[in-house]
Amino acid sequence: MSEKAPQSPPPPPEPPLPGDCCGSGCPRCVLDVYDEQLAEWQRRWGSEAGDAD
């Protein structure tokens, strides 16, 4: 009988650094990717992580 311990949430994704965006309007800007990753993290883990941002 093996019981799994409750899984703790992973840390939220790291925001991009100010210089990571080149400002040229890339179709997949690092800021857009971060927003998507953060939204997914919040959907999966937000309530378990105390709704951390």
N, C-alpha and C. Protein backbone atom coordinates (compact mmCIF):
# COMPACT_ATOMS: atom_id res chain seq x y z
N MET A 1 0.84 -1.19 0.00
CA MET A 1 0.00 0.00 0.00
C MET A 1 0.88 1.24 0.00
N SER A 2 0.91 1.91 -1.09
CA SER A 2 1.68 3.14 -1.14
C SER A 2 0.75 4.33 -1.32
N GLU A 3 0.85 5.27 -0.39
CA GLU A 3 0.05 6.48 -0.50
C GLU A 3 0.95 7.60 -0.97
N LYS A 4 0.42 8.35 -1.90
CA LYS A 4 1.20 9.48 -2.41
C LYS A 4 1.00 10.68 -1.49
N ALA A 5 2.08 11.34 -1.19
CA ALA A 5 1.99 12.56 -0.41
C ALA A 5 1.38 13.64 -1.28
N PRO A 6 0.67 14.59 -0.67
CA PRO A 6 0.10 15.67 -1.48
C PRO A 6 1.21 16.41 -2.23
N GLN A 7 0.94 16.68 -3.48
CA GLN A 7 1.93 17.35 -4.31
C GLN A 7 1.88 18.85 -4.05
N SER A 8 3.03 19.42 -3.75
CA SER A 8 3.06 20.86 -3.55
C SER A 8 3.18 21.54 -4.90
N PRO A 9 2.60 22.72 -5.03
CA PRO A 9 2.65 23.39 -6.33
C PRO A 9 4.06 23.81 -6.69
N PRO A 10 4.38 23.76 -7.97
CA PRO A 10 5.68 24.26 -8.42
C PRO A 10 5.67 25.79 -8.35
N PRO A 11 6.81 26.41 -8.38
CA PRO A 11 6.82 27.87 -8.38
C PRO A 11 6.20 28.39 -9.68
N PRO A 12 5.63 29.59 -9.64
CA PRO A 12 5.08 30.14 -10.87
C PRO A 12 6.19 30.42 -11.87
N PRO A 13 5.84 30.56 -13.14
CA PRO A 13 6.88 30.84 -14.14
C PRO A 13 7.57 32.16 -13.84
N GLU A 14 8.84 32.21 -14.20
CA GLU A 14 9.62 33.44 -14.01
C GLU A 14 9.23 34.47 -15.06
N PRO A 15 8.98 35.71 -14.64
CA PRO A 15 8.68 36.72 -15.65
C PRO A 15 9.91 37.04 -16.49
N PRO A 16 9.70 37.45 -17.72
CA PRO A 16 10.85 37.82 -18.55
C PRO A 16 11.54 39.05 -17.99
N LEU A 17 12.80 39.16 -18.26
CA LEU A 17 13.54 40.34 -17.84
C LEU A 17 13.16 41.51 -18.75
N PRO A 18 13.35 42.74 -18.27
CA PRO A 18 12.96 43.91 -19.09
C PRO A 18 13.58 43.90 -20.49
N GLY A 19 14.78 43.43 -20.66
CA GLY A 19 15.43 43.42 -21.96
C GLY A 19 15.12 42.21 -22.82
N ASP A 20 14.30 41.26 -22.31
CA ASP A 20 14.00 40.05 -23.08
C ASP A 20 13.11 40.33 -24.29
N CYS A 21 12.25 41.33 -24.20
CA CYS A 21 11.39 41.70 -25.33
C CYS A 21 12.14 42.69 -26.20
N CYS A 22 12.21 42.40 -27.50
CA CYS A 22 12.96 43.27 -28.41
C CYS A 22 12.12 44.45 -28.90
N GLY A 23 10.80 44.39 -28.68
CA GLY A 23 9.94 45.50 -29.06
C GLY A 23 9.62 45.58 -30.54
N SER A 24 9.93 44.54 -31.30
CA SER A 24 9.69 44.60 -32.75
C SER A 24 8.39 43.91 -33.18
N GLY A 25 7.55 43.54 -32.24
CA GLY A 25 6.25 42.97 -32.59
C GLY A 25 6.28 41.52 -33.03
N CYS A 26 7.12 40.74 -32.42
CA CYS A 26 7.21 39.31 -32.77
C CYS A 26 5.84 38.64 -32.60
N PRO A 27 5.52 37.67 -33.45
CA PRO A 27 4.24 36.96 -33.32
C PRO A 27 4.11 36.22 -31.99
N ARG A 28 5.19 35.70 -31.46
CA ARG A 28 5.17 35.02 -30.15
C ARG A 28 6.16 35.73 -29.23
N CYS A 29 5.77 36.90 -28.79
CA CYS A 29 6.62 37.71 -27.90
C CYS A 29 6.83 36.97 -26.58
N VAL A 30 7.99 37.15 -25.99
CA VAL A 30 8.26 36.50 -24.70
C VAL A 30 7.24 36.94 -23.65
N LEU A 31 6.70 38.14 -23.77
CA LEU A 31 5.69 38.61 -22.82
C LEU A 31 4.38 37.85 -22.99
N ASP A 32 4.02 37.54 -24.24
CA ASP A 32 2.82 36.75 -24.51
C ASP A 32 2.98 35.32 -23.98
N VAL A 33 4.15 34.75 -24.21
CA VAL A 33 4.42 33.38 -23.74
C VAL A 33 4.34 33.34 -22.21
N TYR A 34 4.93 34.33 -21.56
CA TYR A 34 4.87 34.38 -20.10
C TYR A 34 3.42 34.49 -19.62
N ASP A 35 2.63 35.37 -20.24
CA ASP A 35 1.22 35.52 -19.84
C ASP A 35 0.47 34.20 -19.97
N GLU A 36 0.73 33.46 -21.06
CA GLU A 36 0.08 32.17 -21.26
C GLU A 36 0.51 31.17 -20.19
N GLN A 37 1.81 31.13 -19.90
CA GLN A 37 2.33 30.19 -18.90
C GLN A 37 1.79 30.53 -17.52
N LEU A 38 1.72 31.81 -17.19
CA LEU A 38 1.21 32.22 -15.89
C LEU A 38 -0.27 31.89 -15.75
N ALA A 39 -1.05 32.12 -16.80
CA ALA A 39 -2.48 31.79 -16.77
C ALA A 39 -2.68 30.29 -16.56
N GLU A 40 -1.87 29.47 -17.24
CA GLU A 40 -1.96 28.02 -17.08
C GLU A 40 -1.57 27.61 -15.66
N TRP A 41 -0.51 28.21 -15.13
CA TRP A 41 -0.07 27.91 -13.76
C TRP A 41 -1.18 28.28 -12.77
N GLN A 42 -1.78 29.46 -12.95
CA GLN A 42 -2.85 29.88 -12.05
C GLN A 42 -4.05 28.95 -12.16
N ARG A 43 -4.36 28.50 -13.37
CA ARG A 43 -5.48 27.57 -13.55
C ARG A 43 -5.23 26.27 -12.80
N ARG A 44 -4.01 25.76 -12.90
CA ARG A 44 -3.68 24.48 -12.28
C ARG A 44 -3.40 24.59 -10.78
N TRP A 45 -2.70 25.64 -10.38
CA TRP A 45 -2.15 25.67 -9.03
C TRP A 45 -2.59 26.86 -8.19
N GLY A 46 -3.27 27.83 -8.78
CA GLY A 46 -3.57 29.07 -8.08
C GLY A 46 -4.22 28.89 -6.71
N SER A 47 -5.26 28.08 -6.64
CA SER A 47 -5.95 27.91 -5.36
C SER A 47 -5.10 27.17 -4.35
N GLU A 48 -4.30 26.22 -4.82
CA GLU A 48 -3.43 25.45 -3.92
C GLU A 48 -2.22 26.25 -3.47
N ALA A 49 -1.84 27.24 -4.25
CA ALA A 49 -0.68 28.05 -3.93
C ALA A 49 -1.07 29.36 -3.26
N GLY A 50 -2.33 29.46 -2.84
CA GLY A 50 -2.79 30.67 -2.19
C GLY A 50 -2.97 31.82 -3.18
N ASP A 51 -3.31 31.46 -4.43
CA ASP A 51 -3.51 32.46 -5.49
C ASP A 51 -2.32 33.38 -5.63
N ALA A 52 -1.14 32.83 -5.61
CA ALA A 52 0.07 33.62 -5.78
C ALA A 52 0.15 34.16 -7.19
N ASP A 53 0.78 35.31 -7.36
CA ASP A 53 0.96 35.91 -8.69
C ASP A 53 2.39 35.80 -9.11
